[in-house]
Amino acid sequence: MSNFFRKLFHIESNKQPACKIDRGYVSEYTHFIDRFLEEHPEVLLEQHDGRLLYWDKRVDLVALEKAEQDRVSDDGYGFHSSAWHAAKH
């Protein structure tokens, strides 16, 4: 094993790593967002309502099954193959 990897991973060494990651660090952006949400709690309510409006939909399983049965099979090209093989007049 090269010296590079020995130094990098502190192999066969009792030395502590050169740097430690500060897990308590909070960025300026996170501070800003946290402060903004404390001052404007209505934003979280609007966000929740928007999610309900666009994402959390009730699914009508009967209508979904009917739509699947009414579906026309696709030929993979985005056009119906019957249109290409139609008889010419």
N, C-alpha and C. Protein backbone atom coordinates (compact mmCIF):
# COMPACT_ATOMS: atom_id res chain seq x y z
N MET A 1 0.84 -1.17 0.00
CA MET A 1 0.00 0.00 0.00
C MET A 1 0.89 1.24 0.00
N SER A 2 0.52 2.22 -0.75
CA SER A 2 1.36 3.41 -0.87
C SER A 2 1.24 4.29 0.37
N ASN A 3 2.19 5.18 0.50
CA ASN A 3 2.17 6.13 1.63
C ASN A 3 0.96 7.05 1.55
N PHE A 4 0.52 7.34 0.33
CA PHE A 4 -0.64 8.21 0.15
C PHE A 4 -1.86 7.64 0.88
N PHE A 5 -2.13 6.35 0.64
CA PHE A 5 -3.30 5.73 1.27
C PHE A 5 -3.09 5.58 2.78
N ARG A 6 -1.87 5.33 3.19
CA ARG A 6 -1.60 5.23 4.63
C ARG A 6 -1.90 6.56 5.32
N LYS A 7 -1.48 7.65 4.69
CA LYS A 7 -1.74 8.97 5.28
C LYS A 7 -3.22 9.32 5.19
N LEU A 8 -3.84 8.99 4.07
CA LEU A 8 -5.24 9.34 3.86
C LEU A 8 -6.16 8.63 4.84
N PHE A 9 -5.95 7.35 5.03
CA PHE A 9 -6.83 6.56 5.88
C PHE A 9 -6.25 6.30 7.26
N HIS A 10 -5.09 6.88 7.56
CA HIS A 10 -4.44 6.75 8.86
C HIS A 10 -4.24 5.29 9.23
N ILE A 11 -3.80 4.51 8.28
CA ILE A 11 -3.56 3.10 8.51
C ILE A 11 -2.28 2.94 9.33
N GLU A 12 -2.34 2.04 10.31
CA GLU A 12 -1.20 1.75 11.17
C GLU A 12 -0.69 3.01 11.85
N SER A 13 -1.61 3.86 12.23
CA SER A 13 -1.22 5.10 12.89
C SER A 13 -2.17 5.34 14.05
N ASN A 14 -1.64 5.87 15.11
CA ASN A 14 -2.46 6.21 16.27
C ASN A 14 -2.87 7.67 16.24
N LYS A 15 -2.45 8.39 15.19
CA LYS A 15 -2.78 9.81 15.10
C LYS A 15 -4.26 9.98 14.79
N GLN A 16 -4.83 11.04 15.30
CA GLN A 16 -6.21 11.40 15.01
C GLN A 16 -6.27 11.99 13.59
N PRO A 17 -7.42 11.91 12.94
CA PRO A 17 -7.55 12.52 11.62
C PRO A 17 -7.23 14.01 11.67
N ALA A 18 -6.75 14.53 10.55
CA ALA A 18 -6.34 15.93 10.49
C ALA A 18 -7.50 16.88 10.71
N CYS A 19 -8.70 16.50 10.28
CA CYS A 19 -9.84 17.39 10.46
C CYS A 19 -11.06 16.57 10.86
N LYS A 20 -11.96 17.22 11.53
CA LYS A 20 -13.22 16.60 11.91
C LYS A 20 -14.35 17.37 11.26
N ILE A 21 -15.38 16.67 10.89
CA ILE A 21 -16.54 17.31 10.30
C ILE A 21 -17.42 17.83 11.43
N ASP A 22 -17.76 19.10 11.35
CA ASP A 22 -18.62 19.72 12.35
C ASP A 22 -20.07 19.40 12.01
N ARG A 23 -20.65 18.45 12.69
CA ARG A 23 -22.03 18.03 12.41
C ARG A 23 -23.04 19.06 12.90
N GLY A 24 -22.62 20.00 13.71
CA GLY A 24 -23.53 21.02 14.23
C GLY A 24 -23.62 22.24 13.33
N TYR A 25 -22.88 22.25 12.22
CA TYR A 25 -22.88 23.39 11.31
C TYR A 25 -24.24 23.56 10.65
N VAL A 26 -24.72 24.79 10.63
CA VAL A 26 -25.96 25.12 9.94
C VAL A 26 -25.66 26.29 9.01
N SER A 27 -25.99 26.14 7.75
CA SER A 27 -25.66 27.17 6.76
C SER A 27 -26.50 28.43 6.96
N GLU A 28 -26.04 29.51 6.34
CA GLU A 28 -26.77 30.78 6.40
C GLU A 28 -28.14 30.62 5.76
N TYR A 29 -28.20 29.86 4.70
CA TYR A 29 -29.47 29.62 4.01
C TYR A 29 -30.47 28.93 4.95
N THR A 30 -30.01 27.92 5.66
CA THR A 30 -30.90 27.20 6.59
C THR A 30 -31.37 28.13 7.70
N HIS A 31 -30.46 28.98 8.21
CA HIS A 31 -30.86 29.96 9.23
C HIS A 31 -31.93 30.89 8.67
N PHE A 32 -31.74 31.35 7.42
CA PHE A 32 -32.69 32.26 6.80
C PHE A 32 -34.07 31.60 6.66
N ILE A 33 -34.10 30.37 6.14
CA ILE A 33 -35.37 29.67 5.94
C ILE A 33 -36.06 29.41 7.27
N ASP A 34 -35.30 28.96 8.27
CA ASP A 34 -35.90 28.71 9.58
C ASP A 34 -36.49 29.98 10.17
N ARG A 35 -35.77 31.09 10.09
CA ARG A 35 -36.27 32.37 10.61
C ARG A 35 -37.49 32.83 9.81
N PHE A 36 -37.43 32.68 8.48
CA PHE A 36 -38.55 33.10 7.64
C PHE A 36 -39.82 32.31 7.99
N LEU A 37 -39.69 31.00 8.18
CA LEU A 37 -40.86 30.18 8.49
C LEU A 37 -41.41 30.46 9.88
N GLU A 38 -40.55 30.86 10.81
CA GLU A 38 -41.03 31.26 12.13
C GLU A 38 -41.85 32.54 12.04
N GLU A 39 -41.40 33.47 11.20
CA GLU A 39 -42.07 34.76 11.04
C GLU A 39 -43.30 34.66 10.13
N HIS A 40 -43.36 33.67 9.26
CA HIS A 40 -44.46 33.52 8.30
C HIS A 40 -45.00 32.09 8.34
N PRO A 41 -45.72 31.72 9.40
CA PRO A 41 -46.24 30.34 9.49
C PRO A 41 -47.29 30.03 8.42
N GLU A 42 -47.89 31.05 7.84
CA GLU A 42 -48.90 30.82 6.81
C GLU A 42 -48.30 30.17 5.56
N VAL A 43 -47.01 30.33 5.35
CA VAL A 43 -46.35 29.73 4.20
C VAL A 43 -46.43 28.21 4.28
N LEU A 44 -46.24 27.66 5.47
CA LEU A 44 -46.34 26.20 5.63
C LEU A 44 -47.76 25.71 5.36
N LEU A 45 -48.76 26.49 5.77
CA LEU A 45 -50.14 26.11 5.49
C LEU A 45 -50.44 26.15 3.99
N GLU A 46 -49.95 27.19 3.32
CA GLU A 46 -50.13 27.28 1.87
C GLU A 46 -49.42 26.14 1.15
N GLN A 47 -48.24 25.82 1.64
CA GLN A 47 -47.48 24.71 1.05
C GLN A 47 -48.24 23.40 1.21
N HIS A 48 -48.80 23.19 2.38
CA HIS A 48 -49.57 21.97 2.64
C HIS A 48 -50.81 21.91 1.75
N ASP A 49 -51.52 23.04 1.64
CA ASP A 49 -52.71 23.09 0.78
C ASP A 49 -52.36 22.84 -0.67
N GLY A 50 -51.23 23.40 -1.12
CA GLY A 50 -50.80 23.20 -2.50
C GLY A 50 -50.47 21.74 -2.78
N ARG A 51 -49.84 21.08 -1.81
CA ARG A 51 -49.53 19.67 -1.99
C ARG A 51 -50.81 18.85 -2.09
N LEU A 52 -51.78 19.18 -1.25
CA LEU A 52 -53.06 18.46 -1.31
C LEU A 52 -53.74 18.69 -2.66
N LEU A 53 -53.63 19.91 -3.17
CA LEU A 53 -54.27 20.24 -4.43
C LEU A 53 -53.67 19.49 -5.61
N TYR A 54 -52.33 19.42 -5.64
CA TYR A 54 -51.67 18.86 -6.82
C TYR A 54 -51.21 17.42 -6.69
N TRP A 55 -50.98 16.92 -5.48
CA TRP A 55 -50.38 15.61 -5.35
C TRP A 55 -51.28 14.58 -4.69
N ASP A 56 -51.91 14.93 -3.61
CA ASP A 56 -52.69 13.96 -2.84
C ASP A 56 -54.12 13.89 -3.37
N LYS A 57 -54.29 13.15 -4.43
CA LYS A 57 -55.59 13.01 -5.07
C LYS A 57 -56.22 11.68 -4.70
N ARG A 58 -57.52 11.69 -4.57
CA ARG A 58 -58.24 10.43 -4.39
C ARG A 58 -58.41 9.81 -5.78
N VAL A 59 -58.16 8.53 -5.87
CA VAL A 59 -58.22 7.84 -7.15
C VAL A 59 -59.53 7.08 -7.23
N ASP A 60 -60.27 7.32 -8.31
CA ASP A 60 -61.50 6.58 -8.57
C ASP A 60 -61.10 5.31 -9.32
N LEU A 61 -61.05 4.19 -8.61
CA LEU A 61 -60.55 2.95 -9.19
C LEU A 61 -61.44 2.42 -10.31
N VAL A 62 -62.75 2.64 -10.21
CA VAL A 62 -63.67 2.20 -11.26
C VAL A 62 -63.40 2.97 -12.55
N ALA A 63 -63.27 4.29 -12.45
CA ALA A 63 -62.99 5.11 -13.63
C ALA A 63 -61.61 4.77 -14.21
N LEU A 64 -60.65 4.48 -13.35
CA LEU A 64 -59.32 4.11 -13.81
C LEU A 64 -59.35 2.79 -14.58
N GLU A 65 -60.10 1.83 -14.08
CA GLU A 65 -60.22 0.55 -14.76
C GLU A 65 -60.92 0.70 -16.10
N LYS A 66 -61.97 1.53 -16.15
CA LYS A 66 -62.69 1.77 -17.40
C LYS A 66 -61.76 2.45 -18.42
N ALA A 67 -60.95 3.40 -17.95
CA ALA A 67 -60.02 4.08 -18.85
C ALA A 67 -58.99 3.09 -19.41
N GLU A 68 -58.54 2.16 -18.61
CA GLU A 68 -57.60 1.15 -19.09
C GLU A 68 -58.25 0.24 -20.13
N GLN A 69 -59.51 -0.10 -19.94
CA GLN A 69 -60.21 -0.97 -20.89
C GLN A 69 -60.48 -0.23 -22.19
N ASP A 70 -60.70 1.09 -22.13
CA ASP A 70 -61.00 1.88 -23.31
C ASP A 70 -59.75 2.31 -24.07
N ARG A 71 -58.60 1.98 -23.56
CA ARG A 71 -57.35 2.42 -24.14
C ARG A 71 -57.05 1.69 -25.44
N VAL A 72 -56.54 2.42 -26.42
CA VAL A 72 -56.14 1.84 -27.70
C VAL A 72 -54.68 1.47 -27.59
N SER A 73 -54.33 0.28 -28.02
CA SER A 73 -52.93 -0.15 -27.91
C SER A 73 -52.05 0.71 -28.82
N ASP A 74 -50.84 0.93 -28.37
CA ASP A 74 -49.89 1.79 -29.08
C ASP A 74 -48.93 0.91 -29.87
N ASP A 75 -48.52 1.36 -31.06
CA ASP A 75 -47.60 0.58 -31.86
C ASP A 75 -46.14 0.91 -31.57
N GLY A 76 -45.88 1.82 -30.66
CA GLY A 76 -44.52 2.15 -30.28
C GLY A 76 -43.94 3.34 -31.03
N TYR A 77 -44.58 3.78 -32.08
CA TYR A 77 -44.10 4.92 -32.84
C TYR A 77 -44.93 6.17 -32.59
N GLY A 78 -45.98 6.04 -31.83
CA GLY A 78 -46.82 7.19 -31.57
C GLY A 78 -47.92 7.36 -32.60
N PHE A 79 -47.95 6.50 -33.61
CA PHE A 79 -49.00 6.53 -34.61
C PHE A 79 -49.67 5.16 -34.62
N HIS A 80 -50.87 5.13 -35.04
CA HIS A 80 -51.57 3.84 -35.12
C HIS A 80 -51.22 3.16 -36.44
N SER A 81 -50.82 1.94 -36.34
CA SER A 81 -50.34 1.23 -37.53
C SER A 81 -51.45 1.07 -38.57
N SER A 82 -52.71 1.07 -38.15
CA SER A 82 -53.79 0.93 -39.13
C SER A 82 -53.83 2.10 -40.10
N ALA A 83 -53.36 3.27 -39.67
CA ALA A 83 -53.35 4.42 -40.55
C ALA A 83 -52.31 4.25 -41.66
N TRP A 84 -51.24 3.51 -41.40
CA TRP A 84 -50.20 3.31 -42.39
C TRP A 84 -50.58 2.24 -43.40
N HIS A 85 -51.42 1.31 -42.96
CA HIS A 85 -51.78 0.20 -43.83
C HIS A 85 -53.18 0.37 -44.44
N ALA A 86 -53.70 1.57 -44.37
CA ALA A 86 -55.04 1.81 -44.92
C ALA A 86 -55.01 1.65 -46.44
N ALA A 87 -56.10 1.18 -46.98
CA ALA A 87 -56.19 1.00 -48.44
C ALA A 87 -56.24 2.34 -49.12
N LYS A 88 -55.54 2.47 -50.23
CA LYS A 88 -55.55 3.74 -50.97
C LYS A 88 -56.71 3.71 -51.94
N HIS A 89 -57.32 4.85 -52.10
CA HIS A 89 -58.51 4.97 -52.99
C HIS A 89 -58.11 5.43 -54.34
